[in-house]
C-alpha atoms as a PDB file:
ATOM      1  CA  MET A   1       0.000   0.000   0.000  1.00  0.00           C
ATOM      2  CA  SER A   2       1.313   3.403  -0.872  1.00  0.00           C
ATOM      3  CA  GLN A   3       1.425   6.410   1.373  1.00  0.00           C
ATOM      4  CA  ASP A   4      -1.022   9.293   1.031  1.00  0.00           C
ATOM      5  CA  PRO A   5       0.743  12.008  -1.027  1.00  0.00           C
ATOM      6  CA  ALA A   6      -0.917  14.734   1.097  1.00  0.00           C
ATOM      7  CA  LEU A   7       0.921  13.604   4.248  1.00  0.00           C
ATOM      8  CA  ARG A   8       3.667  15.758   5.748  1.00  0.00           C
ATOM      9  CA  PRO A   9       5.574  13.258   7.888  1.00  0.00           C
ATOM     10  CA  THR A  10       7.740  14.489  10.745  1.00  0.00           C
ATOM     11  CA  SER A  11      11.304  14.468   9.422  1.00  0.00           C
ATOM     12  CA  ASP A  12      13.809  11.999  10.840  1.00  0.00           C
ATOM     13  CA  ARG A  13      15.848  14.903  12.241  1.00  0.00           C
ATOM     14  CA  VAL A  14      12.866  16.405  14.074  1.00  0.00           C
ATOM     15  CA  ARG A  15      11.692  13.012  15.322  1.00  0.00           C
ATOM     16  CA  GLU A  16      15.168  12.212  16.679  1.00  0.00           C
ATOM     17  CA  ALA A  17      15.348  15.589  18.431  1.00  0.00           C
ATOM     18  CA  LEU A  18      11.839  15.155  19.847  1.00  0.00           C
ATOM     19  CA  PHE A  19      12.670  11.802  21.427  1.00  0.00           C
ATOM     20  CA  ASN A  20      15.981  13.144  22.734  1.00  0.00           C
ATOM     21  CA  ILE A  21      13.976  15.829  24.564  1.00  0.00           C
ATOM     22  CA  LEU A  22      11.289  13.449  25.835  1.00  0.00           C
ATOM     23  CA  GLY A  23      13.739  10.721  26.784  1.00  0.00           C
ATOM     24  CA  GLN A  24      14.617   7.391  25.309  1.00  0.00           C
ATOM     25  CA  ASP A  25      12.612   5.165  27.647  1.00  0.00           C
ATOM     26  CA  PHE A  26       8.859   5.098  27.107  1.00  0.00           C
ATOM     27  CA  SER A  27       8.368   1.947  29.194  1.00  0.00           C
ATOM     28  CA  GLU A  28       4.724   1.470  30.125  1.00  0.00           C
ATOM     29  CA  LEU A  29       3.648   4.908  28.865  1.00  0.00           C
ATOM     30  CA  LEU A  30       0.320   5.481  27.118  1.00  0.00           C
ATOM     31  CA  VAL A  31       0.627   7.518  23.920  1.00  0.00           C
ATOM     32  CA  LEU A  32      -1.931   9.337  21.789  1.00  0.00           C
ATOM     33  CA  ASP A  33      -0.937  10.285  18.224  1.00  0.00           C
ATOM     34  CA  LEU A  34      -3.412  12.842  16.854  1.00  0.00           C
ATOM     35  CA  TYR A  35      -3.370  13.595  13.105  1.00  0.00           C
ATOM     36  CA  ALA A  36      -1.354  10.378  12.916  1.00  0.00           C
ATOM     37  CA  GLY A  37      -0.559  10.319   9.195  1.00  0.00           C
ATOM     38  CA  THR A  38       2.272   7.805   8.850  1.00  0.00           C
ATOM     39  CA  GLY A  39       2.142   7.065  12.581  1.00  0.00           C
ATOM     40  CA  ALA A  40       5.891   7.659  12.861  1.00  0.00           C
ATOM     41  CA  LEU A  41       5.671   9.275  16.305  1.00  0.00           C
ATOM     42  CA  GLY A  42       3.385   6.641  17.805  1.00  0.00           C
ATOM     43  CA  PHE A  43       5.400   3.789  16.301  1.00  0.00           C
ATOM     44  CA  GLU A  44       8.636   5.329  17.582  1.00  0.00           C
ATOM     45  CA  ALA A  45       7.111   5.510  21.078  1.00  0.00           C
ATOM     46  CA  LEU A  46       6.086   1.845  20.837  1.00  0.00           C
ATOM     47  CA  SER A  47       9.613   0.888  19.762  1.00  0.00           C
ATOM     48  CA  ARG A  48      10.850   2.605  22.928  1.00  0.00           C
ATOM     49  CA  GLY A  49       8.585   0.554  25.189  1.00  0.00           C
ATOM     50  CA  ALA A  50       5.247   2.387  25.241  1.00  0.00           C
ATOM     51  CA  ARG A  51       2.484   0.140  26.537  1.00  0.00           C
ATOM     52  CA  LYS A  52      -0.060   1.367  24.003  1.00  0.00           C
ATOM     53  CA  ALA A  53      -0.391   3.903  21.204  1.00  0.00           C
ATOM     54  CA  VAL A  54      -3.719   5.203  19.935  1.00  0.00           C
ATOM     55  CA  PHE A  55      -3.623   6.745  16.473  1.00  0.00           C
ATOM     56  CA  VAL A  56      -6.306   9.141  15.217  1.00  0.00           C
ATOM     57  CA  GLU A  57      -6.387   9.534  11.440  1.00  0.00           C
ATOM     58  CA  ALA A  58      -9.171  11.071   9.339  1.00  0.00           C
ATOM     59  CA  ASN A  59      -8.272   9.438   6.027  1.00  0.00           C
ATOM     60  CA  PRO A  60      -9.658   5.852   5.910  1.00  0.00           C
ATOM     61  CA  ARG A  61      -7.030   4.758   3.374  1.00  0.00           C
ATOM     62  CA  THR A  62      -4.208   6.087   5.541  1.00  0.00           C
ATOM     63  CA  ALA A  63      -5.780   4.426   8.613  1.00  0.00           C
ATOM     64  CA  THR A  64      -5.759   1.100   6.760  1.00  0.00           C
ATOM     65  CA  ILE A  65      -2.060   1.602   6.010  1.00  0.00           C
ATOM     66  CA  LEU A  66      -1.453   2.386   9.703  1.00  0.00           C
ATOM     67  CA  ARG A  67      -3.169  -0.828  10.792  1.00  0.00           C
ATOM     68  CA  ALA A  68      -1.135  -2.851   8.294  1.00  0.00           C
ATOM     69  CA  ALA A  69       2.082  -1.188   9.471  1.00  0.00           C
ATOM     70  CA  ALA A  70       1.253  -1.979  13.109  1.00  0.00           C
ATOM     71  CA  GLU A  71       0.775  -5.642  12.228  1.00  0.00           C
ATOM     72  CA  GLU A  72       3.933  -5.706  10.124  1.00  0.00           C
ATOM     73  CA  LEU A  73       5.918  -4.151  12.975  1.00  0.00           C
ATOM     74  CA  GLY A  74       4.460  -6.660  15.449  1.00  0.00           C
ATOM     75  CA  VAL A  75       2.694  -4.016  17.547  1.00  0.00           C
ATOM     76  CA  GLY A  76      -0.886  -4.647  16.451  1.00  0.00           C
ATOM     77  CA  ALA A  77      -1.936  -5.642  19.970  1.00  0.00           C
ATOM     78  CA  GLU A  78      -0.416  -2.464  21.433  1.00  0.00           C
ATOM     79  CA  SER A  79      -2.009  -0.214  18.796  1.00  0.00           C
ATOM     80  CA  ARG A  80      -5.462   1.160  18.153  1.00  0.00           C
ATOM     81  CA  VAL A  81      -6.300   3.125  15.014  1.00  0.00           C
ATOM     82  CA  ILE A  82      -9.360   5.357  15.098  1.00  0.00           C
ATOM     83  CA  VAL A  83     -10.707   6.717  11.832  1.00  0.00           C
ATOM     84  CA  SER A  84     -12.033  10.175  12.627  1.00  0.00           C
ATOM     85  CA  ARG A  85     -11.298  13.857  12.312  1.00  0.00           C
ATOM     86  CA  VAL A  86      -9.596  15.015  15.489  1.00  0.00           C
ATOM     87  CA  ASP A  87     -12.181  17.777  15.931  1.00  0.00           C
ATOM     88  CA  ASP A  88     -14.966  15.167  15.946  1.00  0.00           C
ATOM     89  CA  ILE A  89     -13.487  12.816  18.549  1.00  0.00           C
ATOM     90  CA  LEU A  90     -11.573  14.995  20.977  1.00  0.00           C
ATOM     91  CA  ASP A  91     -13.035  13.728  24.232  1.00  0.00           C
ATOM     92  CA  ARG A  92     -11.924  11.272  26.872  1.00  0.00           C
ATOM     93  CA  GLU A  93     -14.964   8.987  26.523  1.00  0.00           C
ATOM     94  CA  ARG A  94     -14.075   8.239  22.909  1.00  0.00           C
ATOM     95  CA  LEU A  95     -10.284   8.306  23.178  1.00  0.00           C
ATOM     96  CA  GLY A  96      -9.671   6.901  26.639  1.00  0.00           C
ATOM     97  CA  GLY A  97      -6.745   8.208  28.574  1.00  0.00           C
ATOM     98  CA  PRO A  98      -5.356  10.146  30.149  1.00  0.00           C
ATOM     99  CA  TYR A  99      -2.151   9.733  28.139  1.00  0.00           C
ATOM    100  CA  ASP A 100       1.412  10.208  29.287  1.00  0.00           C
ATOM    101  CA  VAL A 101       2.394  11.696  25.933  1.00  0.00           C
ATOM    102  CA  VAL A 102       0.079  13.269  23.367  1.00  0.00           C
ATOM    103  CA  PHE A 103       1.486  14.098  19.935  1.00  0.00           C
ATOM    104  CA  ALA A 104      -0.440  16.513  17.722  1.00  0.00           C
ATOM    105  CA  ASP A 105       0.774  17.339  14.236  1.00  0.00           C
ATOM    106  CA  PRO A 106      -2.173  19.250  12.733  1.00  0.00           C
ATOM    107  CA  PRO A 107      -2.123  20.842   9.302  1.00  0.00           C
ATOM    108  CA  TYR A 108       0.028  23.949   9.543  1.00  0.00           C
ATOM    109  CA  ASP A 109      -2.346  26.790  10.377  1.00  0.00           C
ATOM    110  CA  ALA A 110      -1.565  29.503  12.897  1.00  0.00           C
ATOM    111  CA  ASP A 111      -5.126  29.450  14.257  1.00  0.00           C
ATOM    112  CA  VAL A 112      -5.231  25.714  14.957  1.00  0.00           C
ATOM    113  CA  GLU A 113      -2.727  25.318  17.801  1.00  0.00           C
ATOM    114  CA  GLY A 114      -4.331  27.499  20.490  1.00  0.00           C
ATOM    115  CA  GLY A 115      -7.792  26.025  20.104  1.00  0.00           C
ATOM    116  CA  LEU A 116      -6.386  22.516  19.861  1.00  0.00           C
ATOM    117  CA  VAL A 117      -4.359  22.814  23.076  1.00  0.00           C
ATOM    118  CA  SER A 118      -7.365  24.223  24.918  1.00  0.00           C
ATOM    119  CA  ARG A 119      -9.632  21.412  23.672  1.00  0.00           C
ATOM    120  CA  ILE A 120      -7.086  18.726  24.598  1.00  0.00           C
ATOM    121  CA  ALA A 121      -6.831  20.225  28.100  1.00  0.00           C
ATOM    122  CA  ALA A 122     -10.622  20.436  28.441  1.00  0.00           C
ATOM    123  CA  ALA A 123     -10.924  16.783  27.396  1.00  0.00           C
ATOM    124  CA  GLU A 124      -8.384  15.834  30.108  1.00  0.00           C
ATOM    125  CA  LEU A 125      -6.403  13.722  27.649  1.00  0.00           C
ATOM    126  CA  VAL A 126      -2.985  14.552  29.112  1.00  0.00           C
ATOM    127  CA  ALA A 127      -2.014  12.817  32.362  1.00  0.00           C
ATOM    128  CA  ARG A 128      -1.165  15.096  35.296  1.00  0.00           C
ATOM    129  CA  LEU A 129       2.579  14.552  34.782  1.00  0.00           C
ATOM    130  CA  GLY A 130       2.223  14.061  31.045  1.00  0.00           C
ATOM    131  CA  THR A 131       3.346  16.093  28.059  1.00  0.00           C
ATOM    132  CA  LEU A 132       1.540  17.435  25.010  1.00  0.00           C
ATOM    133  CA  VAL A 133       3.757  18.026  21.975  1.00  0.00           C
ATOM    134  CA  VAL A 134       2.371  20.122  19.117  1.00  0.00           C
ATOM    135  CA  GLU A 135       4.260  20.329  15.856  1.00  0.00           C
ATOM    136  CA  ARG A 136       3.794  23.562  13.905  1.00  0.00           C
ATOM    137  CA  GLU A 137       5.346  25.683  11.218  1.00  0.00           C
ATOM    138  CA  GLY A 138       8.451  27.282  12.686  1.00  0.00           C
ATOM    139  CA  LYS A 139       7.762  30.813  11.502  1.00  0.00           C
ATOM    140  CA  ALA A 140       4.314  30.897  13.152  1.00  0.00           C
ATOM    141  CA  ALA A 141       4.140  32.170  16.716  1.00  0.00           C
ATOM    142  CA  ALA A 142       3.505  29.695  19.514  1.00  0.00           C
ATOM    143  CA  ALA A 143      -0.030  29.641  20.827  1.00  0.00           C
ATOM    144  CA  ILE A 144      -0.757  31.650  23.937  1.00  0.00           C
ATOM    145  CA  ILE A 145      -2.957  29.467  26.081  1.00  0.00           C
ATOM    146  CA  ASP A 146      -5.133  30.447  28.993  1.00  0.00           C
ATOM    147  CA  GLY A 147      -5.788  27.193  30.762  1.00  0.00           C
ATOM    148  CA  PRO A 148      -4.215  24.418  32.765  1.00  0.00           C
ATOM    149  CA  LEU A 149      -1.605  23.472  30.142  1.00  0.00           C
ATOM    150  CA  GLU A 150       1.406  25.750  29.945  1.00  0.00           C
ATOM    151  CA  LEU A 151       3.968  26.097  27.153  1.00  0.00           C
ATOM    152  CA  VAL A 152       7.209  25.023  28.823  1.00  0.00           C
ATOM    153  CA  ARG A 153       9.530  24.685  25.839  1.00  0.00           C
ATOM    154  CA  THR A 154       9.772  25.350  22.140  1.00  0.00           C
ATOM    155  CA  ALA A 155      12.371  23.657  19.964  1.00  0.00           C
ATOM    156  CA  ARG A 156      12.952  24.796  16.373  1.00  0.00           C
ATOM    157  CA  TYR A 157      14.376  22.667  13.577  1.00  0.00           C
ATOM    158  CA  GLY A 158      14.456  24.429  10.222  1.00  0.00           C
ATOM    159  CA  ARG A 159      10.862  25.087   9.137  1.00  0.00           C
ATOM    160  CA  THR A 160       9.408  23.070  12.035  1.00  0.00           C
ATOM    161  CA  ALA A 161       8.788  23.994  15.663  1.00  0.00           C
ATOM    162  CA  LEU A 162       7.817  21.691  18.503  1.00  0.00           C
ATOM    163  CA  ASP A 163       5.866  23.168  21.406  1.00  0.00           C
ATOM    164  CA  PHE A 164       5.857  21.228  24.688  1.00  0.00           C
ATOM    165  CA  PHE A 165       2.971  21.752  27.109  1.00  0.00           C
ATOM    166  CA  LYS A 166       2.632  20.512  30.686  1.00  0.00           C
ATOM    167  CA  TYR A 167       0.229  21.180  33.525  1.00  0.00           C
ATOM    168  CA  ARG A 168       1.014  24.232  35.637  1.00  0.00           C
END
């Protein structure tokens, strides 16, 4: 199965930097990969010992590819792929949780990040000691959030920025 040409996968360089920041050991962590696309972030977390990764992907064809990849990688039992738009499913009843790490790589749009972070916080998807990582276009300003999640770090890599949020 071929990859969706509309996907913008996280580059290897950014993914390596991200996991250097978060730490190498994901043993027993629960991970949520929103706007999953190729699933690279969730699969990387599983390869580092995550107990479970839930992938949310709107494109049914891409979700089918994700499921096949999980089986091929031998992590089908530790994976769950949900076919839905993130906006339509962003609540704890549907997604479970809370999660130790939540990855969100929405389409690059300056208006998306702030609302997304607020909705993730309202849905209580991030564990009390957990981390939300939002990937965005590097030249866009980081979202200013008024809520329980606080921007604690931004890391820039070329055209990409990673914003790390934690509870205050």
